[in-house]
Amino acid sequence: MTKFMDKIYKNYIWIIIILSLLAYFAYRVMSFEGSIQSAIENPQSWIQLLFVIWINVNMVSASYDGATNKGLQSEEFTLADELNNRIITSVNNEMKSFRDYVKALNQHELITMQEDYLFKVGDKTVEELTEKELKEYKKLKPVRHNIYGFNLPLYYEMTKSGQVNYLASIKKNQGKRAKQIKKIFSGALFGAMTVNMFFMIENVGNAFISLLIISVGLLMTYVMTFIPQLFKFKYDIPKKVILKNTLYNSYIDFKNGKHILKKLEVKENVSDERDDKGNN
C-alpha cells in the first residue's frame, strides 16, 4: 500500500490532468437546452447546485480526515513525532540559552555570506568594493533560522485565543445528538430529491451523465485533498523535524565548545567613509 501511495504522490498531477480531461469530455457531450434565464428560474437547478456543493464539502472533509488519520499512522510520522518529542523535552529546559544561540547563529550566517561575497568578487575588502558591488553587498539575504513553534508538538489543536488544551477525556455520547440533528436535514434533502424518481424514468440517461460529471469532480476533489494532506505527514513534517534536529544538535555542539560562531562587529558606514575621504 505504501509503494502504491508513493507512486500516486509522484504522479498525482498527471492523475488530476487525466480526470480534468474526462470531466471536460463529459461536459462536451452534454447539450444545454433552454436559456440561462430559464435555468436560473428553475428550482431544480438550485437544488442540484446546492447538492453538488454539499457533497463536495463533505468529500473534502472525508478526504482530509482520511488522509490525516492515514498520515498519523504512517511510520514516517511516528518516527518524526518521537524525535520531535525528545527535542521538546530537552529544549524546554534551556529555552533562553537556545534562543541566544539562534540569535548568534543568525549573525554568523550573515557574516559568512558577506565573507563569501567578498571572496567571490576578487577577495576584496568592503572598502575596495565598487558602487555596484557595495549595493549588492548591502542587499545580501543570509539564511535566517526562525524557531517560532520549535517546542510545539507536531500535531495539536489550538483555540482561537491561542491556548493549547491538554484535556484528553471525552464524555459518553458526546456530540451524538448534534450528529442526529444533522442527519435529519440531510435525510430530508435526499428524501425530497427521490420523491418523483419513479415518475421520471425517461430522465435516467441525463441523470446518469450528471452523476458521471459529479463523480469525476468528486474524485478530483478527493485526490487534490487527500494526496497533499497525506504526504504532509509522510514527507514534509519528517523533513522539517530532521532540520529541527540538526539545528538543535548544532546548539549542543556549541554549548559543549565544539565549534565557535563568528560575532558581528559594528563598523562605520562605508559610504560615509568614502565621502569623508573625498572631502579631505
Protein backbone atom coordinates (compact mmCIF):
# COMPACT_ATOMS: atom_id res chain seq x y z
CA MET A 1 0.00 0.00 0.00
CA THR A 2 2.86 2.38 0.85
CA LYS A 3 4.57 1.86 -2.53
CA PHE A 4 1.24 2.42 -4.27
CA MET A 5 0.65 5.68 -2.40
CA ASP A 6 4.21 6.81 -3.17
CA LYS A 7 3.56 6.29 -6.88
CA ILE A 8 0.31 8.23 -6.66
CA TYR A 9 2.06 11.10 -4.88
CA LYS A 10 4.79 11.30 -7.50
CA ASN A 11 2.26 11.22 -10.36
CA TYR A 12 -0.81 12.83 -8.82
CA ILE A 13 -0.57 15.91 -11.06
CA TRP A 14 -0.97 13.62 -14.10
CA ILE A 15 -3.95 11.93 -12.44
CA ILE A 16 -5.54 15.36 -11.99
CA ILE A 17 -4.89 16.23 -15.65
CA ILE A 18 -6.49 12.96 -16.84
CA LEU A 19 -9.50 13.48 -14.59
CA SER A 20 -9.81 17.05 -15.85
CA LEU A 21 -9.85 15.81 -19.43
CA LEU A 22 -12.52 13.23 -18.57
CA ALA A 23 -14.63 15.91 -16.92
CA TYR A 24 -14.23 18.16 -19.97
CA PHE A 25 -15.22 15.30 -22.28
CA ALA A 26 -18.35 14.64 -20.22
CA TYR A 27 -19.18 18.33 -20.37
CA ARG A 28 -18.76 18.49 -24.16
CA VAL A 29 -21.09 15.54 -24.82
CA MET A 30 -23.85 17.32 -22.93
CA SER A 31 -26.21 19.63 -24.78
CA PHE A 32 -27.71 22.51 -22.87
CA GLU A 33 -31.33 23.01 -23.82
CA GLY A 34 -33.15 26.19 -22.93
CA SER A 35 -31.84 29.56 -21.81
CA ILE A 36 -29.75 30.69 -18.89
CA GLN A 37 -32.72 32.61 -17.56
CA SER A 38 -34.94 29.52 -17.54
CA ALA A 39 -32.24 27.56 -15.74
CA ILE A 40 -31.92 30.29 -13.10
CA GLU A 41 -35.68 30.43 -12.60
CA ASN A 42 -35.99 26.64 -12.33
CA PRO A 43 -35.90 25.50 -8.66
CA GLN A 44 -34.38 22.17 -9.71
CA SER A 45 -31.26 23.98 -10.92
CA TRP A 46 -30.73 25.45 -7.48
CA ILE A 47 -31.43 22.11 -5.78
CA GLN A 48 -28.81 20.42 -7.97
CA LEU A 49 -26.31 23.22 -7.36
CA LEU A 50 -26.79 23.03 -3.60
CA PHE A 51 -26.49 19.24 -3.72
CA VAL A 52 -23.20 19.37 -5.64
CA ILE A 53 -21.79 21.98 -3.25
CA TRP A 54 -22.95 19.98 -0.23
CA ILE A 55 -21.49 16.70 -1.42
CA ASN A 56 -18.18 18.35 -2.40
CA VAL A 57 -17.86 19.94 1.04
CA ASN A 58 -18.42 16.53 2.60
CA MET A 59 -15.91 14.96 0.22
CA VAL A 60 -13.26 17.50 1.27
CA SER A 61 -13.97 16.75 4.91
CA ALA A 62 -13.84 12.98 4.38
CA SER A 63 -10.66 13.01 2.29
CA TYR A 64 -8.92 15.50 4.60
CA ASP A 65 -9.75 13.49 7.72
CA GLY A 66 -8.91 10.21 5.99
CA ALA A 67 -5.51 11.49 4.87
CA THR A 68 -4.81 12.91 8.32
CA ASN A 69 -5.60 9.59 10.02
CA LYS A 70 -3.53 7.72 7.45
CA GLY A 71 -0.64 10.13 7.89
CA LEU A 72 -0.73 9.96 11.68
CA GLN A 73 -0.45 6.18 11.48
CA SER A 74 2.43 6.20 8.99
CA GLU A 75 5.86 5.03 10.08
CA GLU A 76 7.48 8.23 8.86
CA PHE A 77 5.31 10.44 11.04
CA THR A 78 5.61 8.15 14.07
CA LEU A 79 9.42 8.30 13.97
CA ALA A 80 9.39 12.06 13.39
CA ASP A 81 6.99 12.55 16.29
CA GLU A 82 9.19 10.53 18.66
CA LEU A 83 12.26 12.56 17.67
CA ASN A 84 10.36 15.83 17.97
CA ASN A 85 9.12 14.95 21.46
CA ARG A 86 12.69 14.23 22.59
CA ILE A 87 13.79 17.62 21.25
CA ILE A 88 10.90 19.37 23.02
CA THR A 89 11.71 17.70 26.34
CA SER A 90 15.31 18.83 26.11
CA VAL A 91 14.93 22.35 24.73
CA ASN A 92 12.21 23.35 27.20
CA ASN A 93 14.78 23.10 29.99
CA GLU A 94 17.10 25.65 28.37
CA MET A 95 15.00 27.77 26.03
CA LYS A 96 16.67 31.09 26.90
CA SER A 97 20.14 29.72 26.17
CA PHE A 98 18.88 28.16 22.94
CA ARG A 99 17.32 31.45 21.78
CA ASP A 100 20.60 33.28 22.48
CA TYR A 101 22.40 30.68 20.38
CA VAL A 102 19.99 31.11 17.45
CA LYS A 103 20.46 34.90 17.55
CA ALA A 104 24.23 34.41 17.41
CA LEU A 105 23.78 31.82 14.65
CA ASN A 106 21.80 34.27 12.51
CA GLN A 107 24.62 36.80 12.89
CA HIS A 108 27.08 34.06 11.97
CA GLU A 109 25.11 33.29 8.78
CA LEU A 110 25.21 36.99 7.81
CA ILE A 111 28.95 37.28 8.34
CA THR A 112 29.62 34.05 6.44
CA MET A 113 27.57 35.23 3.46
CA GLN A 114 29.33 38.60 3.45
CA GLU A 115 32.74 36.92 3.51
CA ASP A 116 31.72 34.56 0.70
CA TYR A 117 30.58 37.52 -1.41
CA LEU A 118 33.84 39.43 -0.83
CA PHE A 119 35.78 36.36 -1.92
CA LYS A 120 33.58 35.91 -5.00
CA VAL A 121 34.28 39.43 -6.29
CA GLY A 122 38.03 39.08 -6.00
CA ASP A 123 38.82 38.60 -2.32
CA LYS A 124 38.27 42.30 -1.69
CA THR A 125 37.67 44.24 1.48
CA VAL A 126 34.46 46.22 1.90
CA GLU A 127 36.35 49.48 1.22
CA GLU A 128 37.58 48.11 -2.13
CA LEU A 129 34.08 47.32 -3.49
CA THR A 130 32.68 49.27 -6.43
CA GLU A 131 29.40 51.15 -6.03
CA LYS A 132 27.51 48.33 -7.76
CA GLU A 133 29.20 45.64 -5.65
CA LEU A 134 28.56 47.61 -2.48
CA LYS A 135 24.83 47.79 -3.26
CA GLU A 136 24.75 44.03 -3.82
CA TYR A 137 26.74 43.54 -0.62
CA LYS A 138 24.22 45.51 1.41
CA LYS A 139 21.29 43.60 -0.12
CA LEU A 140 22.61 40.16 0.79
CA LYS A 141 19.95 37.99 2.41
CA PRO A 142 21.51 35.31 4.61
CA VAL A 143 19.85 32.17 5.94
CA ARG A 144 17.70 33.09 8.93
CA HIS A 145 16.70 30.47 11.47
CA ASN A 146 13.17 31.08 12.74
CA ILE A 147 12.44 28.97 15.83
CA TYR A 148 8.86 30.10 16.40
CA GLY A 149 6.93 26.96 17.39
CA PHE A 150 10.16 25.00 17.86
CA ASN A 151 8.89 23.39 21.09
CA LEU A 152 5.38 22.58 19.86
CA PRO A 153 4.18 19.01 19.21
CA LEU A 154 3.78 18.02 15.56
CA TYR A 155 0.03 17.54 15.76
CA TYR A 156 -2.04 19.64 18.12
CA GLU A 157 -5.16 21.79 18.32
CA MET A 158 -5.17 25.45 19.32
CA THR A 159 -8.18 27.56 20.34
CA LYS A 160 -8.95 30.97 18.86
CA SER A 161 -7.40 32.59 21.92
CA GLY A 162 -4.08 30.84 21.19
CA GLN A 163 -4.47 28.38 24.06
CA VAL A 164 -3.41 24.76 23.70
CA ASN A 165 -5.71 22.45 25.68
CA TYR A 166 -4.42 19.16 27.02
CA LEU A 167 -7.77 17.69 28.14
CA ALA A 168 -7.89 14.26 26.53
CA SER A 169 -11.12 12.94 28.07
CA ILE A 170 -14.38 12.51 26.18
CA LYS A 171 -17.89 12.09 27.60
CA LYS A 172 -20.14 9.21 26.64
CA ASN A 173 -22.44 10.12 23.70
CA GLN A 174 -20.65 13.47 23.34
CA GLY A 175 -21.77 15.11 20.08
CA LYS A 176 -24.19 12.29 19.28
CA ARG A 177 -27.31 14.50 19.46
CA ALA A 178 -25.86 17.12 17.13
CA LYS A 179 -24.99 14.45 14.56
CA GLN A 180 -28.51 13.06 14.73
CA ILE A 181 -29.98 16.52 14.05
CA LYS A 182 -27.68 16.97 11.05
CA LYS A 183 -28.75 13.60 9.68
CA ILE A 184 -32.41 14.68 9.90
CA PHE A 185 -31.74 17.55 7.47
CA SER A 186 -29.54 15.51 5.14
CA GLY A 187 -32.10 12.67 5.14
CA ALA A 188 -34.90 15.11 4.32
CA LEU A 189 -32.84 16.51 1.45
CA PHE A 190 -32.23 13.11 -0.13
CA GLY A 191 -35.82 12.07 0.52
CA ALA A 192 -37.20 15.14 -1.26
CA MET A 193 -34.90 14.52 -4.22
CA THR A 194 -36.18 10.95 -4.71
CA VAL A 195 -39.92 11.58 -4.29
CA ASN A 196 -40.69 11.64 -8.01
CA MET A 197 -37.98 9.19 -9.11
CA PHE A 198 -40.42 6.53 -10.32
CA PHE A 199 -42.31 9.05 -12.43
CA MET A 200 -39.23 10.33 -14.28
CA ILE A 201 -37.81 7.13 -15.79
CA GLU A 202 -37.18 8.89 -19.11
CA ASN A 203 -34.57 11.12 -17.45
CA VAL A 204 -32.35 8.21 -16.40
CA GLY A 205 -29.88 8.90 -19.22
CA ASN A 206 -29.47 12.59 -18.35
CA ALA A 207 -29.29 11.75 -14.68
CA PHE A 208 -26.52 9.24 -15.37
CA ILE A 209 -24.47 11.82 -17.28
CA SER A 210 -24.94 14.33 -14.47
CA LEU A 211 -23.91 11.70 -11.96
CA LEU A 212 -20.83 10.90 -14.05
CA ILE A 213 -19.74 14.54 -14.11
CA ILE A 214 -20.35 14.94 -10.39
CA SER A 215 -18.43 11.73 -9.67
CA VAL A 216 -15.42 12.86 -11.70
CA GLY A 217 -15.47 16.18 -9.86
CA LEU A 218 -15.67 14.40 -6.51
CA LEU A 219 -12.78 12.13 -7.46
CA MET A 220 -10.70 15.17 -8.40
CA THR A 221 -11.61 16.81 -5.10
CA TYR A 222 -10.60 13.66 -3.25
CA VAL A 223 -7.24 13.30 -4.99
CA MET A 224 -6.37 17.00 -4.67
CA THR A 225 -7.21 16.98 -0.96
CA PHE A 226 -6.09 13.52 0.14
CA ILE A 227 -2.66 13.30 -1.50
CA PRO A 228 -1.18 16.66 -0.33
CA GLN A 229 -2.56 16.17 3.19
CA LEU A 230 -1.22 12.62 3.48
CA PHE A 231 2.25 13.45 2.29
CA LYS A 232 2.40 16.47 4.58
CA PHE A 233 2.63 13.87 7.36
CA LYS A 234 4.78 11.37 5.45
CA TYR A 235 7.35 13.74 3.89
CA ASP A 236 7.07 17.45 4.73
CA ILE A 237 6.81 17.14 8.52
CA PRO A 238 9.58 14.47 8.87
CA LYS A 239 11.92 16.62 6.74
CA LYS A 240 11.29 19.64 8.97
CA VAL A 241 11.89 17.59 12.10
CA ILE A 242 15.24 16.48 10.67
CA LEU A 243 16.15 20.15 10.11
CA LYS A 244 14.99 20.94 13.64
CA ASN A 245 17.15 18.12 14.99
CA THR A 246 20.16 19.37 13.02
CA LEU A 247 19.75 22.87 14.44
CA TYR A 248 19.39 21.59 17.99
CA ASN A 249 22.42 19.30 17.63
CA SER A 250 24.46 22.28 16.45
CA TYR A 251 23.38 24.10 19.61
CA ILE A 252 24.53 21.17 21.75
CA ASP A 253 27.91 21.17 19.98
CA PHE A 254 28.19 24.93 20.51
CA LYS A 255 27.34 24.57 24.21
CA ASN A 256 29.98 21.86 24.56
CA GLY A 257 32.57 24.08 22.89
CA LYS A 258 32.94 22.01 19.73
CA HIS A 259 32.54 24.98 17.39
CA ILE A 260 32.62 28.79 17.62
CA LEU A 261 30.30 31.28 15.93
CA LYS A 262 31.51 34.45 14.28
CA LYS A 263 30.35 37.63 16.00
CA LEU A 264 29.01 40.67 14.19
CA GLU A 265 31.32 43.66 14.59
CA VAL A 266 29.95 47.21 14.47
CA LYS A 267 31.61 49.10 11.62
CA GLU A 268 31.29 52.63 10.35
CA ASN A 269 29.21 53.14 7.24
CA VAL A 270 31.43 52.54 4.22
CA SER A 271 29.74 55.18 2.03
CA ASP A 272 30.25 57.80 4.77
CA GLU A 273 33.93 56.89 4.96
CA ARG A 274 34.23 57.40 1.20
CA ASP A 275 32.52 60.80 1.40
CA ASP A 276 34.85 61.87 4.20
CA LYS A 277 37.88 60.80 2.19
CA GLY A 278 36.58 62.66 -0.84
CA ASN A 279 36.05 65.86 1.13
CA ASN A 280 39.56 65.69 2.59
